[in-house]
């Protein structure tokens, strides 16, 4: 999974009560998911940076 050529990958992460945004040229190097209980799903994503990234709390 790779962002479109010339485009940055934009991730919005919900942390507690607010969203945080991370943007940059990333390549997904691993994606794992598992089902726990009662339809709950947990994801783990490993990204490799290919350049400068930015971070912004919203």
Protein backbone atom coordinates (compact mmCIF):
# COMPACT_ATOMS: atom_id res chain seq x y z
CA UNK A 1 0.00 0.00 0.00
CA UNK A 2 1.63 3.24 -1.16
CA UNK A 3 0.27 6.78 -1.46
CA UNK A 4 -0.26 8.01 -4.99
CA UNK A 5 2.92 9.09 -6.72
CA UNK A 6 3.69 12.68 -5.77
CA UNK A 7 1.06 12.71 -3.01
CA UNK A 8 1.41 12.61 0.77
CA UNK A 9 -0.45 10.15 2.94
CA UNK A 10 -2.73 11.93 5.41
CA UNK A 11 -3.68 10.12 8.63
CA UNK A 12 -6.31 11.42 11.04
CA UNK A 13 -6.08 9.73 14.44
CA UNK A 14 -8.65 10.08 17.21
CA UNK A 15 -6.80 10.42 20.51
CA UNK A 16 -9.02 10.76 23.56
CA UNK A 17 -11.18 13.79 22.81
CA UNK A 18 -9.49 15.29 19.72
CA UNK A 19 -8.20 14.34 16.29
CA UNK A 20 -4.53 14.54 15.39
CA UNK A 21 -3.25 14.72 11.82
CA UNK A 22 0.02 13.32 10.49
CA UNK A 23 0.96 13.96 6.86
CA UNK A 24 3.96 13.01 4.76
CA UNK A 25 5.29 10.63 2.14
CA UNK A 26 4.79 7.22 3.79
CA UNK A 27 4.88 3.61 2.72
CA UNK A 28 2.88 1.06 4.70
CA UNK A 29 5.35 -1.68 5.60
CA UNK A 30 2.97 -3.82 7.70
CA UNK A 31 -0.74 -4.07 8.41
CA UNK A 32 -2.14 -6.46 11.00
CA UNK A 33 -5.66 -6.75 12.28
CA UNK A 34 -7.46 -9.04 14.69
CA UNK A 35 -10.96 -9.54 16.02
CA UNK A 36 -11.37 -9.49 19.75
CA UNK A 37 -14.85 -9.66 21.21
CA UNK A 38 -18.36 -8.82 20.06
CA UNK A 39 -17.38 -7.43 16.65
CA UNK A 40 -14.47 -5.31 17.93
CA UNK A 41 -11.51 -5.03 15.55
CA UNK A 42 -7.98 -3.87 16.35
CA UNK A 43 -5.59 -2.60 13.65
CA UNK A 44 -1.83 -2.14 13.80
CA UNK A 45 -0.14 -0.23 10.98
CA UNK A 46 3.61 0.26 10.51
CA UNK A 47 4.67 3.14 8.26
CA UNK A 48 8.05 4.05 6.84
CA UNK A 49 8.73 7.70 6.11
CA UNK A 50 10.20 8.70 2.77
CA UNK A 51 10.81 12.33 3.69
CA UNK A 52 9.66 15.19 5.91
CA UNK A 53 6.47 14.68 7.93
CA UNK A 54 4.19 17.18 9.63
CA UNK A 55 2.02 16.84 12.73
CA UNK A 56 -0.98 18.92 13.74
CA UNK A 57 -3.35 18.56 16.69
CA UNK A 58 -6.88 19.63 15.78
